[in-house]
Amino acid sequence: MKRISKPTDYVFQVSWEVCNKVGGIYTVLSTQAKMLESIYKDNLIYIGPDFGQAAKGSKAADGAAAVFEPDSKLLAPLARQLKKKGIPTRFGRWAVPGSPIVALVDFTNLREEKNQIYADAWNDFGVDSLHAYGDYDDASLFGWQAGRMAAEAYNYFCKQEKQELKAVLQAHEWMSAFSLLYVKKHEPKMATVFTTHATSIGRSITTNGKQLYAYFEGYNGDQMAQELNMEAKHSAEKAAALQADCMTTVSELTDKECRQFLGRESDVLLPNGFEPAFSYRGSQLQTVRKRARKALLNTYNALAGTNLTDETLIISTSGRNDFICKGFDLFVNALKRVQDRNEVDRNILGVIAVPCWKKEARAELIERLANKPAIKLLDGSALEPLPYPFITHELNNFNEERLVQTILASGLRFGKEERVHILLIPSYLDGEDGIINLPYYDFLTASDYCIYPSYYEPWGYTPLESTAFSIPCLTTNLSGFGQWVQSEVGHLPLLSDGVAVIPREDYNYDHCVNEIATSIIGMARLSQDDRVQFGNAAFELSKKAQWKDFIKNYLKAYTLAIKNNGHF
């Protein structure tokens, strides 16, 4: 790779999801790290909340594999200085490609200062924390502590190098807004970038069942914040957007929201890329895929008493449990429509991998799986289906979980003689769920086709990830990634392009269900050669959406932030 000019000496990236997997921002940062670290080396520091993350090789408190590698010798003098200032910080490495420096800050000691911090934020920036609830307090105090840590580190590095240095703090989402506001007031020589991956108001309008697009021009951000009880989060986000030296977002879709709800359009768009080091290729991909398909087929056969073989067409959808935003209901209802149309002569297994409020893995399912070697398919003819033969784990809220209720209400039939089947895995796939026991990317390789019919999707990592594994997929024109694909191919993309993009609006729900059902039937009828060709097309698209191509947008944002900051 040719040498890239650095617009700034240090970069501090602040996010609630550094070493803390919650949603897509974790994927943004963890896959971005290798490319950005290759430019900045150890002058790149990711700042995240300290939840006592365990060292790599052990288990975190929630059972997930740990991704933090603590190093007490790394920046030890700075760590001691921070501790004296009341900013407890653990330095280490993020166990992802690039292994960047991570600073995990403990913010719990700020809880006694919360009222004063909120008063300062109101007086200085108009942030209204009066109606705060839920995760607002912890996120805001984390942001404030992260801002303090970044400012102290900046001054430490300036003294070490005996010169004034250029530095950028990039705050991701409203959860990091207070870090930007702190730096803006207390260390104004540091340039600031604010990145919203989804506006709080846009997401809230959608999750509350309101129509976002039909009445978009009529929505006022401040008014909707009051109506939706989002004043605190919205005002923090808006203040950071207006105060930032450079405002950024991930797609044109979200930039429209920034203009409408936050009162500022983005200076630079930062589309999300993917790091190919995370994916498998060649014989390794085939080995992982074979193991993943056996795990899924074994599991479903044990649940439903079927005998699905490797000839089964496996289609999947996944993501965080944003029921409306992700379009999971369309996925379920499309499967029912395929079942009713009865136009395919092969088995289809639709898999939904979405974390829910789960308890333990189903004991009777574990027992059945233990009765046969894992590498062999179960003989379904000898098994009666378990009650609710579509779900792998017990739930705390089975009767209220919308995914479960949608499956039951859809009318899908679960008989052994059916061609269309559905499997719900309501767990994070970290390799330790108790049933599938594969990390998400290993699980993904089992799919022949992925479907992500989003209603609200500022970017859309799941379809990008599927293309990186040579899996054709479907998304909508309401996802940033779908719009990017359309701009790349120059027409409304079809499955033969590797990614199909269907138009989705507020009033064409049934049409979208039909489109998805037709695409599933089409995939089931494809020859093996055609499926390989579609997969190759998907992979070729993914090669155009790698961080090596998109990181230049970050450097452009940093350059503009330094210029607009005006101190250098």
Protein backbone atom coordinates (compact mmCIF):
# COMPACT_ATOMS: atom_id res chain seq x y z
CA MET A 1 0.00 0.00 0.00
CA LYS A 2 1.33 3.42 -0.91
CA ARG A 3 2.18 5.83 1.87
CA ILE A 4 -0.81 7.89 3.01
CA SER A 5 -0.39 11.45 4.26
CA LYS A 6 -1.71 11.93 7.82
CA PRO A 7 -3.72 15.13 8.39
CA THR A 8 -3.29 14.87 12.18
CA ASP A 9 -0.76 13.50 14.64
CA TYR A 10 -3.16 11.67 16.98
CA VAL A 11 -6.64 10.23 16.60
CA PHE A 12 -8.91 9.39 19.53
CA GLN A 13 -12.02 7.40 18.61
CA VAL A 14 -14.68 7.35 21.32
CA SER A 15 -17.52 4.85 21.32
CA TRP A 16 -19.71 2.95 23.77
CA GLU A 17 -18.99 -0.12 21.59
CA VAL A 18 -15.19 -0.24 21.89
CA CYS A 19 -14.55 -3.77 23.22
CA ASN A 20 -18.28 -3.84 23.98
CA LYS A 21 -20.37 -5.54 21.31
CA VAL A 22 -23.85 -4.06 21.17
CA GLY A 23 -24.58 -3.47 17.49
CA GLY A 24 -23.15 -2.40 14.17
CA ILE A 25 -20.79 0.29 15.49
CA TYR A 26 -18.71 -2.47 17.06
CA THR A 27 -18.29 -3.93 13.58
CA VAL A 28 -17.46 -0.51 12.12
CA LEU A 29 -14.65 0.10 14.58
CA SER A 30 -13.28 -3.42 14.90
CA THR A 31 -13.03 -3.94 11.14
CA GLN A 32 -11.76 -0.40 10.50
CA ALA A 33 -8.93 -0.70 13.02
CA LYS A 34 -6.43 -2.55 10.84
CA MET A 35 -6.45 0.05 8.08
CA LEU A 36 -6.48 3.08 10.38
CA GLU A 37 -3.76 1.55 12.58
CA SER A 38 -1.58 0.98 9.52
CA ILE A 39 -1.63 4.75 9.02
CA TYR A 40 -1.40 6.04 12.60
CA LYS A 41 0.28 3.11 14.40
CA ASP A 42 0.11 3.72 18.15
CA ASN A 43 -1.02 7.31 17.64
CA LEU A 44 -4.51 5.85 17.23
CA ILE A 45 -6.36 5.21 20.50
CA TYR A 46 -9.85 3.77 20.85
CA ILE A 47 -11.65 4.83 24.02
CA GLY A 48 -14.46 2.71 25.43
CA PRO A 49 -16.27 2.08 28.74
CA ASP A 50 -14.63 -0.14 31.32
CA PHE A 51 -17.03 -2.90 32.32
CA GLY A 52 -14.24 -5.03 33.72
CA GLN A 53 -13.61 -6.66 30.35
CA ALA A 54 -11.62 -9.83 30.86
CA ALA A 55 -8.40 -10.54 29.05
CA LYS A 56 -8.42 -12.35 25.73
CA GLY A 57 -8.54 -16.10 26.20
CA SER A 58 -10.92 -15.85 29.14
CA LYS A 59 -14.63 -15.17 29.31
CA ALA A 60 -16.29 -11.84 29.85
CA ALA A 61 -18.99 -11.41 32.49
CA ASP A 62 -21.74 -12.22 29.97
CA GLY A 63 -19.98 -15.36 28.76
CA ALA A 64 -18.79 -13.83 25.50
CA ALA A 65 -15.25 -14.32 24.31
CA ALA A 66 -13.12 -11.44 25.58
CA VAL A 67 -11.46 -9.13 23.06
CA PHE A 68 -9.41 -6.92 25.37
CA GLU A 69 -5.73 -7.59 25.98
CA PRO A 70 -4.71 -5.51 29.01
CA ASP A 71 -1.12 -4.31 29.18
CA SER A 72 -0.09 -2.62 32.42
CA LYS A 73 3.20 -1.47 30.86
CA LEU A 74 1.53 0.27 27.93
CA LEU A 75 1.49 4.05 28.52
CA ALA A 76 2.02 3.34 32.22
CA PRO A 77 3.11 6.93 33.11
CA LEU A 78 -0.03 8.29 31.46
CA ALA A 79 -2.19 5.74 33.27
CA ARG A 80 -0.74 6.86 36.60
CA GLN A 81 -1.36 10.50 35.72
CA LEU A 82 -4.94 9.76 34.75
CA LYS A 83 -5.57 7.88 37.97
CA LYS A 84 -4.39 10.89 40.00
CA LYS A 85 -6.85 13.06 38.05
CA GLY A 86 -9.74 10.73 38.87
CA ILE A 87 -9.86 9.10 35.44
CA PRO A 88 -9.24 5.38 36.07
CA THR A 89 -8.03 3.94 32.77
CA ARG A 90 -6.89 0.51 31.66
CA PHE A 91 -4.69 0.45 28.57
CA GLY A 92 -4.32 -2.55 26.33
CA ARG A 93 -4.91 -3.87 22.82
CA TRP A 94 -8.12 -4.70 21.02
CA ALA A 95 -7.87 -8.33 19.88
CA VAL A 96 -8.94 -7.61 16.30
CA PRO A 97 -6.86 -7.27 13.11
CA GLY A 98 -4.51 -4.33 13.62
CA SER A 99 -4.43 -4.74 17.43
CA PRO A 100 -4.89 -1.01 18.11
CA ILE A 101 -4.38 0.61 21.50
CA VAL A 102 -7.50 0.71 23.63
CA ALA A 103 -8.19 2.86 26.67
CA LEU A 104 -11.08 1.60 28.80
CA VAL A 105 -12.26 4.32 31.18
CA ASP A 106 -14.16 3.80 34.42
CA PHE A 107 -16.80 6.51 34.77
CA THR A 108 -18.57 5.34 37.93
CA ASN A 109 -16.75 7.89 40.11
CA LEU A 110 -18.53 10.68 38.19
CA ARG A 111 -22.00 9.68 39.37
CA GLU A 112 -21.75 12.01 42.36
CA GLU A 113 -20.90 14.86 39.96
CA LYS A 114 -23.74 14.07 37.55
CA ASN A 115 -25.91 17.08 38.38
CA GLN A 116 -23.02 19.52 37.97
CA ILE A 117 -21.97 17.91 34.68
CA TYR A 118 -25.54 18.19 33.38
CA ALA A 119 -25.77 21.80 34.57
CA ASP A 120 -22.57 22.66 32.72
CA ALA A 121 -23.82 20.90 29.57
CA TRP A 122 -27.04 22.92 29.77
CA ASN A 123 -25.34 26.24 30.38
CA ASP A 124 -22.60 25.74 27.78
CA PHE A 125 -24.38 23.82 25.04
CA GLY A 126 -28.12 23.72 25.78
CA VAL A 127 -28.18 19.99 26.45
CA ASP A 128 -31.44 19.21 28.27
CA SER A 129 -30.82 16.26 30.59
CA LEU A 130 -33.89 16.97 32.74
CA HIS A 131 -35.98 14.17 31.25
CA ALA A 132 -33.17 11.60 31.07
CA TYR A 133 -33.94 7.92 31.63
CA GLY A 134 -32.59 4.49 30.85
CA ASP A 135 -29.01 4.37 29.60
CA TYR A 136 -28.61 8.15 29.28
CA ASP A 137 -26.77 8.67 32.56
CA ASP A 138 -24.13 5.99 32.07
CA ALA A 139 -23.55 6.91 28.42
CA SER A 140 -23.22 10.61 29.19
CA LEU A 141 -20.89 10.09 32.14
CA PHE A 142 -18.81 7.72 30.05
CA GLY A 143 -18.59 10.37 27.32
CA TRP A 144 -17.55 13.05 29.81
CA GLN A 145 -14.86 10.78 31.27
CA ALA A 146 -13.67 9.79 27.79
CA GLY A 147 -13.35 13.47 26.88
CA ARG A 148 -11.32 14.11 30.05
CA MET A 149 -9.10 11.13 29.27
CA ALA A 150 -8.50 12.26 25.65
CA ALA A 151 -7.67 15.84 26.73
CA GLU A 152 -5.21 14.63 29.37
CA ALA A 153 -3.60 12.22 26.91
CA TYR A 154 -3.28 14.94 24.29
CA ASN A 155 -1.45 17.25 26.69
CA TYR A 156 0.71 14.35 27.87
CA PHE A 157 1.80 13.58 24.30
CA CYS A 158 2.48 17.27 23.59
CA LYS A 159 4.79 17.43 26.63
CA GLN A 160 6.48 14.16 25.69
CA GLU A 161 7.23 15.39 22.18
CA LYS A 162 7.87 18.99 23.32
CA GLN A 163 5.65 20.52 20.67
CA GLU A 164 2.05 21.31 19.96
CA LEU A 165 0.47 18.39 18.18
CA LYS A 166 -2.57 18.11 15.98
CA ALA A 167 -5.20 15.78 17.37
CA VAL A 168 -8.73 14.74 16.42
CA LEU A 169 -11.36 13.33 18.72
CA GLN A 170 -14.04 11.42 16.81
CA ALA A 171 -17.20 10.76 18.81
CA HIS A 172 -19.56 8.06 17.57
CA GLU A 173 -23.31 8.40 18.23
CA TRP A 174 -25.14 10.26 20.98
CA MET A 175 -23.57 7.98 23.62
CA SER A 176 -20.24 9.71 23.00
CA ALA A 177 -21.60 13.23 22.55
CA PHE A 178 -20.42 14.41 25.98
CA SER A 179 -16.79 13.55 25.09
CA LEU A 180 -16.93 15.99 22.21
CA LEU A 181 -18.59 18.67 24.30
CA TYR A 182 -15.99 18.30 27.05
CA VAL A 183 -13.11 18.68 24.60
CA LYS A 184 -14.82 21.59 22.86
CA LYS A 185 -14.90 23.54 26.13
CA HIS A 186 -11.79 22.37 27.98
CA GLU A 187 -9.28 21.52 25.23
CA PRO A 188 -10.34 23.51 22.16
CA LYS A 189 -7.04 22.90 20.32
CA MET A 190 -8.24 19.34 19.74
CA ALA A 191 -10.30 19.13 16.56
CA THR A 192 -13.59 17.26 16.79
CA VAL A 193 -15.56 14.99 14.47
CA PHE A 194 -19.07 13.79 15.28
CA THR A 195 -20.38 10.69 13.54
CA THR A 196 -24.00 9.66 13.78
CA HIS A 197 -24.69 6.14 12.54
CA ALA A 198 -28.44 6.59 13.02
CA THR A 199 -30.21 9.62 14.43
CA SER A 200 -31.99 8.99 17.72
CA ILE A 201 -35.17 10.58 16.35
CA GLY A 202 -35.17 8.66 13.07
CA ARG A 203 -34.77 5.35 14.85
CA SER A 204 -37.34 6.26 17.50
CA ILE A 205 -39.96 7.29 14.94
CA THR A 206 -39.55 3.91 13.29
CA THR A 207 -39.49 1.74 16.41
CA ASN A 208 -42.64 3.48 17.66
CA GLY A 209 -44.52 2.35 14.56
CA LYS A 210 -44.75 5.74 12.88
CA GLN A 211 -44.22 6.19 9.18
CA LEU A 212 -40.83 7.80 8.71
CA TYR A 213 -40.77 8.40 4.97
CA ALA A 214 -44.32 9.38 4.02
CA TYR A 215 -44.27 12.37 6.39
CA PHE A 216 -40.52 12.96 6.54
CA GLU A 217 -40.53 16.61 5.52
CA GLY A 218 -43.12 17.40 8.17
CA TYR A 219 -41.15 16.08 11.13
CA ASN A 220 -39.36 18.51 13.44
CA GLY A 221 -36.57 16.98 15.50
CA ASP A 222 -37.17 18.94 18.71
CA GLN A 223 -40.92 18.45 18.54
CA MET A 224 -40.60 14.71 17.94
CA ALA A 225 -38.10 14.46 20.80
CA GLN A 226 -40.78 15.79 23.15
CA GLU A 227 -43.48 13.53 21.71
CA LEU A 228 -41.30 10.42 21.91
CA ASN A 229 -39.73 11.26 25.30
CA MET A 230 -36.31 11.57 23.69
CA GLU A 231 -35.35 15.12 24.71
CA ALA A 232 -32.16 14.18 26.55
CA LYS A 233 -30.61 11.91 23.95
CA HIS A 234 -31.69 14.13 21.06
CA SER A 235 -30.37 17.33 22.65
CA ALA A 236 -26.98 15.72 23.37
CA GLU A 237 -26.79 14.42 19.82
CA LYS A 238 -27.87 17.74 18.34
CA ALA A 239 -25.39 19.73 20.46
CA ALA A 240 -22.51 17.48 19.36
CA ALA A 241 -23.60 17.76 15.72
CA LEU A 242 -23.74 21.55 15.86
CA GLN A 243 -20.52 21.97 17.86
CA ALA A 244 -18.34 19.52 15.92
CA ASP A 245 -15.60 20.89 13.70
CA CYS A 246 -16.67 18.28 11.18
CA MET A 247 -20.09 16.60 11.03
CA THR A 248 -20.27 13.15 9.46
CA THR A 249 -22.67 10.27 8.90
CA VAL A 250 -22.63 6.96 7.04
CA SER A 251 -24.98 7.46 4.08
CA GLU A 252 -27.13 9.91 2.16
CA LEU A 253 -30.16 8.38 3.87
CA THR A 254 -28.94 9.41 7.30
CA ASP A 255 -27.65 12.75 6.04
CA LYS A 256 -31.26 13.65 5.20
CA GLU A 257 -32.12 12.92 8.83
CA CYS A 258 -29.22 15.07 10.04
CA ARG A 259 -30.53 18.03 8.06
CA GLN A 260 -34.12 17.47 9.14
CA PHE A 261 -33.69 16.52 12.80
CA LEU A 262 -30.34 17.98 13.86
CA GLY A 263 -30.23 21.13 11.76
CA ARG A 264 -26.87 20.39 10.14
CA GLU A 265 -25.98 18.44 7.06
CA SER A 266 -22.85 16.31 7.02
CA ASP A 267 -19.56 17.70 5.82
CA VAL A 268 -18.28 14.24 4.84
CA LEU A 269 -19.99 10.89 4.35
CA LEU A 270 -18.24 7.92 5.98
CA PRO A 271 -19.56 4.72 4.36
CA ASN A 272 -18.75 1.59 6.33
CA GLY A 273 -16.21 -0.78 4.88
CA PHE A 274 -15.19 -4.34 5.68
CA GLU A 275 -11.80 -5.84 6.48
CA PRO A 276 -11.20 -9.02 4.42
CA ALA A 277 -9.01 -10.46 7.21
CA PHE A 278 -12.27 -11.29 9.00
CA SER A 279 -13.58 -13.57 6.24
CA TYR A 280 -12.68 -17.03 5.01
CA ARG A 281 -11.72 -17.98 1.47
CA GLY A 282 -11.01 -21.14 -0.50
CA SER A 283 -10.72 -24.47 1.26
CA GLN A 284 -10.98 -22.85 4.70
CA LEU A 285 -14.36 -21.39 3.75
CA GLN A 286 -15.59 -24.77 2.54
CA THR A 287 -14.46 -26.47 5.75
CA VAL A 288 -16.15 -23.91 7.97
CA ARG A 289 -19.28 -23.93 5.80
CA LYS A 290 -19.59 -27.72 6.00
CA ARG A 291 -19.34 -27.65 9.79
CA ALA A 292 -21.84 -24.79 10.09
CA ARG A 293 -24.42 -26.43 7.83
CA LYS A 294 -24.24 -29.67 9.82
CA ALA A 295 -24.73 -27.75 13.04
CA LEU A 296 -27.85 -26.00 11.73
CA LEU A 297 -29.34 -29.08 10.11
CA ASN A 298 -28.66 -31.25 13.14
CA THR A 299 -30.30 -28.65 15.35
CA TYR A 300 -33.43 -28.29 13.27
CA ASN A 301 -33.80 -32.03 12.73
CA ALA A 302 -33.58 -32.56 16.48
CA LEU A 303 -36.21 -29.89 17.11
CA ALA A 304 -38.69 -30.79 14.42
CA GLY A 305 -38.15 -34.53 13.96
CA THR A 306 -37.28 -33.98 10.31
CA ASN A 307 -34.44 -35.39 8.24
CA LEU A 308 -33.23 -32.40 6.25
CA THR A 309 -30.10 -33.22 4.31
CA ASP A 310 -27.29 -31.08 2.95
CA GLU A 311 -29.37 -30.52 -0.19
CA THR A 312 -31.50 -28.12 1.87
CA LEU A 313 -31.47 -24.49 0.78
CA ILE A 314 -30.49 -22.51 3.87
CA ILE A 315 -31.50 -18.86 3.91
CA SER A 316 -30.90 -16.58 6.86
CA THR A 317 -31.48 -13.17 8.36
CA SER A 318 -29.83 -11.65 11.41
CA GLY A 319 -29.06 -8.46 13.29
CA ARG A 320 -30.00 -6.69 16.48
CA ASN A 321 -33.54 -7.16 17.73
CA ASP A 322 -35.02 -4.08 16.06
CA PHE A 323 -38.14 -5.83 14.86
CA ILE A 324 -39.57 -3.11 12.61
CA CYS A 325 -36.29 -1.58 11.49
CA LYS A 326 -34.83 -4.90 10.32
CA GLY A 327 -37.96 -6.21 8.61
CA PHE A 328 -37.97 -9.60 10.33
CA ASP A 329 -41.73 -9.80 9.88
CA LEU A 330 -41.29 -9.66 6.11
CA PHE A 331 -38.84 -12.55 6.28
CA VAL A 332 -41.30 -14.71 8.23
CA ASN A 333 -44.30 -13.85 6.08
CA ALA A 334 -42.33 -14.42 2.88
CA LEU A 335 -41.49 -17.94 4.08
CA LYS A 336 -45.19 -18.57 4.69
CA ARG A 337 -45.98 -17.36 1.20
CA VAL A 338 -43.38 -19.71 -0.28
CA GLN A 339 -44.92 -22.53 1.73
CA ASP A 340 -48.41 -21.70 0.43
CA ARG A 341 -47.29 -21.35 -3.18
CA ASN A 342 -45.83 -24.87 -3.09
CA GLU A 343 -43.66 -24.26 -6.16
CA VAL A 344 -40.37 -25.80 -5.02
CA ASP A 345 -39.32 -29.43 -4.78
CA ARG A 346 -36.48 -29.02 -2.29
CA ASN A 347 -36.40 -28.30 1.40
CA ILE A 348 -35.87 -24.71 2.52
CA LEU A 349 -34.71 -23.79 6.01
CA GLY A 350 -35.13 -20.15 6.98
CA VAL A 351 -32.93 -19.22 9.93
CA ILE A 352 -33.38 -16.12 12.11
CA ALA A 353 -30.36 -15.38 14.31
CA VAL A 354 -31.44 -12.50 16.52
CA PRO A 355 -30.60 -11.99 20.22
CA CYS A 356 -33.69 -12.03 22.43
CA TRP A 357 -34.24 -12.05 26.19
CA LYS A 358 -33.18 -15.66 26.45
CA LYS A 359 -32.60 -18.01 29.32
CA GLU A 360 -30.77 -21.29 28.82
CA ALA A 361 -30.62 -23.58 25.80
CA ARG A 362 -33.55 -26.00 25.65
CA ALA A 363 -32.62 -29.03 27.76
CA GLU A 364 -34.51 -31.56 25.63
CA LEU A 365 -32.78 -30.21 22.51
CA ILE A 366 -29.36 -30.57 24.12
CA GLU A 367 -30.24 -34.14 25.08
CA ARG A 368 -31.31 -35.03 21.56
CA LEU A 369 -28.19 -33.50 20.04
CA ALA A 370 -26.00 -35.46 22.46
CA ASN A 371 -27.49 -38.76 21.34
CA LYS A 372 -25.79 -38.66 17.94
CA PRO A 373 -22.25 -37.72 16.84
CA ALA A 374 -22.20 -34.06 15.85
CA ILE A 375 -20.86 -34.83 12.37
CA LYS A 376 -23.88 -36.97 11.43
CA LEU A 377 -27.39 -35.89 10.64
CA LEU A 378 -30.03 -37.16 13.02
CA ASP A 379 -32.48 -39.75 11.77
CA GLY A 380 -35.60 -37.64 11.93
CA SER A 381 -37.88 -40.54 11.21
CA ALA A 382 -37.42 -41.76 14.78
CA LEU A 383 -38.16 -38.43 16.43
CA GLU A 384 -41.36 -36.65 17.30
CA PRO A 385 -41.18 -32.86 17.05
CA LEU A 386 -40.61 -30.96 20.26
CA PRO A 387 -43.19 -28.39 21.38
CA TYR A 388 -42.61 -25.17 19.43
CA PRO A 389 -40.17 -26.93 17.10
CA PHE A 390 -38.63 -23.72 15.76
CA ILE A 391 -36.74 -22.21 18.71
CA THR A 392 -33.43 -23.28 20.27
CA HIS A 393 -33.52 -21.53 23.66
CA GLU A 394 -35.94 -20.83 26.47
CA LEU A 395 -37.07 -17.20 26.67
CA ASN A 396 -37.94 -15.04 29.64
CA ASN A 397 -40.75 -13.45 27.62
CA PHE A 398 -41.87 -16.16 25.19
CA ASN A 399 -45.46 -14.89 25.01
CA GLU A 400 -44.38 -11.29 24.43
CA GLU A 401 -41.39 -11.71 22.10
CA ARG A 402 -42.49 -10.28 18.74
CA LEU A 403 -40.39 -12.67 16.68
CA VAL A 404 -42.04 -15.68 18.32
CA GLN A 405 -45.51 -14.19 18.04
CA THR A 406 -44.96 -13.30 14.37
CA ILE A 407 -43.91 -16.87 13.60
CA LEU A 408 -46.95 -18.28 15.39
CA ALA A 409 -49.35 -15.76 13.86
CA SER A 410 -47.98 -16.27 10.33
CA GLY A 411 -49.65 -19.66 10.01
CA LEU A 412 -46.43 -21.43 9.06
CA ARG A 413 -46.92 -25.19 9.23
CA PHE A 414 -44.31 -27.25 11.07
CA GLY A 415 -45.08 -30.74 9.76
CA LYS A 416 -42.38 -33.15 8.64
CA GLU A 417 -43.92 -33.29 5.20
CA GLU A 418 -43.52 -29.54 4.63
CA ARG A 419 -40.87 -28.14 2.31
CA VAL A 420 -40.45 -24.80 4.11
CA HIS A 421 -39.12 -24.69 7.66
CA ILE A 422 -38.07 -21.99 10.11
CA LEU A 423 -35.49 -21.90 12.90
CA LEU A 424 -35.12 -19.10 15.47
CA ILE A 425 -31.79 -18.82 17.32
CA PRO A 426 -32.48 -16.12 19.95
CA SER A 427 -28.88 -15.79 21.11
CA TYR A 428 -25.71 -13.90 20.37
CA LEU A 429 -23.59 -16.20 18.27
CA ASP A 430 -20.27 -16.06 20.09
CA GLY A 431 -19.42 -19.76 19.92
CA GLU A 432 -20.84 -20.42 23.37
CA ASP A 433 -24.63 -20.32 22.97
CA GLY A 434 -25.05 -23.95 24.03
CA ILE A 435 -26.61 -25.23 20.79
CA ILE A 436 -24.99 -23.97 17.59
CA ASN A 437 -21.71 -23.12 19.36
CA LEU A 438 -20.25 -21.23 16.42
CA PRO A 439 -19.22 -17.57 16.18
CA TYR A 440 -21.40 -15.44 13.92
CA TYR A 441 -19.16 -15.44 10.87
CA ASP A 442 -18.84 -19.24 11.01
CA PHE A 443 -22.63 -19.48 11.27
CA LEU A 444 -23.04 -17.12 8.32
CA THR A 445 -21.09 -19.39 5.96
CA ALA A 446 -23.87 -22.02 6.17
CA SER A 447 -26.24 -19.78 4.21
CA ASP A 448 -26.98 -20.12 0.51
CA TYR A 449 -28.89 -16.85 0.53
CA CYS A 450 -29.31 -14.00 3.02
CA ILE A 451 -32.30 -11.67 3.30
CA TYR A 452 -32.26 -8.28 5.05
CA PRO A 453 -35.50 -6.45 4.15
CA SER A 454 -34.83 -3.36 6.28
CA TYR A 455 -37.21 -0.46 6.78
CA TYR A 456 -34.67 1.65 8.67
CA GLU A 457 -31.01 0.91 7.98
CA PRO A 458 -28.57 3.84 7.79
CA TRP A 459 -25.87 1.55 6.36
CA GLY A 460 -26.39 -2.20 6.68
CA TYR A 461 -23.46 -4.35 7.75
CA THR A 462 -25.22 -7.69 7.53
CA PRO A 463 -25.59 -7.66 3.72
CA LEU A 464 -22.02 -6.38 3.32
CA GLU A 465 -20.77 -9.19 5.54
CA SER A 466 -22.68 -11.79 3.53
CA THR A 467 -21.12 -10.58 0.27
CA ALA A 468 -17.65 -10.83 1.84
CA PHE A 469 -18.37 -14.53 2.35
CA SER A 470 -19.60 -14.96 -1.26
CA ILE A 471 -23.23 -15.28 -0.24
CA PRO A 472 -25.78 -13.50 -2.46
CA CYS A 473 -28.28 -11.44 -0.53
CA LEU A 474 -31.31 -9.20 -0.71
CA THR A 475 -31.77 -5.82 0.93
CA THR A 476 -33.88 -2.72 0.27
CA ASN A 477 -33.43 0.77 -1.07
CA LEU A 478 -33.99 2.01 2.49
CA SER A 479 -30.54 0.77 3.51
CA GLY A 480 -27.42 2.81 2.91
CA PHE A 481 -25.65 -0.29 1.61
CA GLY A 482 -28.51 -0.98 -0.80
CA GLN A 483 -28.23 2.53 -2.17
CA TRP A 484 -24.46 2.16 -2.49
CA VAL A 485 -24.87 -1.10 -4.45
CA GLN A 486 -27.35 0.59 -6.77
CA SER A 487 -24.89 3.40 -7.45
CA GLU A 488 -22.16 0.85 -8.15
CA VAL A 489 -24.09 -1.31 -10.64
CA GLY A 490 -25.94 1.60 -12.26
CA HIS A 491 -29.42 0.05 -12.10
CA LEU A 492 -31.82 -1.51 -9.62
CA PRO A 493 -29.66 -4.48 -8.54
CA LEU A 494 -30.76 -8.06 -9.19
CA LEU A 495 -29.58 -11.28 -7.59
CA SER A 496 -27.35 -11.87 -10.60
CA ASP A 497 -25.45 -8.75 -9.44
CA GLY A 498 -24.76 -10.52 -6.13
CA VAL A 499 -27.11 -8.25 -4.18
CA ALA A 500 -30.78 -7.75 -4.99
CA VAL A 501 -32.28 -4.43 -3.91
CA ILE A 502 -36.06 -4.17 -3.70
CA PRO A 503 -37.88 -0.83 -3.40
CA ARG A 504 -39.55 -0.52 -0.01
CA GLU A 505 -41.95 2.24 1.00
CA ASP A 506 -44.46 2.94 3.73
CA TYR A 507 -47.33 1.47 1.70
CA ASN A 508 -45.95 -1.51 -0.26
CA TYR A 509 -45.57 -4.13 2.49
CA ASP A 510 -47.45 -6.91 0.68
CA HIS A 511 -45.57 -6.25 -2.55
CA CYS A 512 -42.25 -6.60 -0.69
CA VAL A 513 -43.35 -9.89 0.87
CA ASN A 514 -44.20 -11.19 -2.61
CA GLU A 515 -40.86 -9.99 -4.01
CA ILE A 516 -38.94 -11.78 -1.26
CA ALA A 517 -41.00 -14.97 -1.67
CA THR A 518 -40.40 -14.96 -5.42
CA SER A 519 -36.67 -14.47 -4.87
CA ILE A 520 -36.54 -17.45 -2.48
CA ILE A 521 -38.33 -19.64 -5.01
CA GLY A 522 -35.94 -18.42 -7.69
CA MET A 523 -32.92 -19.31 -5.56
CA ALA A 524 -34.35 -22.76 -4.84
CA ARG A 525 -34.61 -23.43 -8.57
CA LEU A 526 -31.12 -22.25 -9.47
CA SER A 527 -28.50 -24.70 -10.60
CA GLN A 528 -25.37 -25.12 -8.51
CA ASP A 529 -23.35 -23.32 -11.20
CA ASP A 530 -25.69 -20.33 -11.12
CA ARG A 531 -25.54 -20.13 -7.33
CA VAL A 532 -21.75 -20.12 -7.50
CA GLN A 533 -21.90 -17.38 -10.14
CA PHE A 534 -24.19 -15.25 -7.99
CA GLY A 535 -21.89 -15.82 -5.00
CA ASN A 536 -18.89 -14.73 -7.03
CA ALA A 537 -20.73 -11.57 -8.07
CA ALA A 538 -21.47 -10.86 -4.40
CA PHE A 539 -17.83 -11.24 -3.48
CA GLU A 540 -16.73 -8.93 -6.30
CA LEU A 541 -19.08 -6.26 -4.93
CA SER A 542 -17.64 -6.67 -1.43
CA LYS A 543 -14.15 -6.01 -2.79
CA LYS A 544 -15.30 -2.49 -3.68
CA ALA A 545 -16.49 -1.84 -0.13
CA GLN A 546 -13.33 -2.54 1.82
CA TRP A 547 -11.74 -0.18 4.31
CA LYS A 548 -8.77 0.32 2.02
CA ASP A 549 -11.20 2.14 -0.29
CA PHE A 550 -13.31 3.95 2.33
CA ILE A 551 -10.68 5.04 4.88
CA LYS A 552 -9.86 8.05 2.73
CA ASN A 553 -13.19 9.53 3.79
CA TYR A 554 -12.05 9.46 7.43
CA LEU A 555 -8.82 11.23 6.50
CA LYS A 556 -10.84 13.83 4.63
CA ALA A 557 -12.98 14.38 7.72
CA TYR A 558 -9.90 14.76 9.91
CA THR A 559 -8.38 17.26 7.47
CA LEU A 560 -11.56 19.32 7.46
CA ALA A 561 -11.86 19.17 11.25
CA ILE A 562 -8.31 20.51 11.68
CA LYS A 563 -9.02 23.29 9.18
CA ASN A 564 -12.34 24.28 10.76
CA ASN A 565 -10.88 24.11 14.26
CA GLY A 566 -8.61 27.02 13.35
CA HIS A 567 -5.86 26.45 15.90
CA PHE A 568 -3.26 25.28 13.38
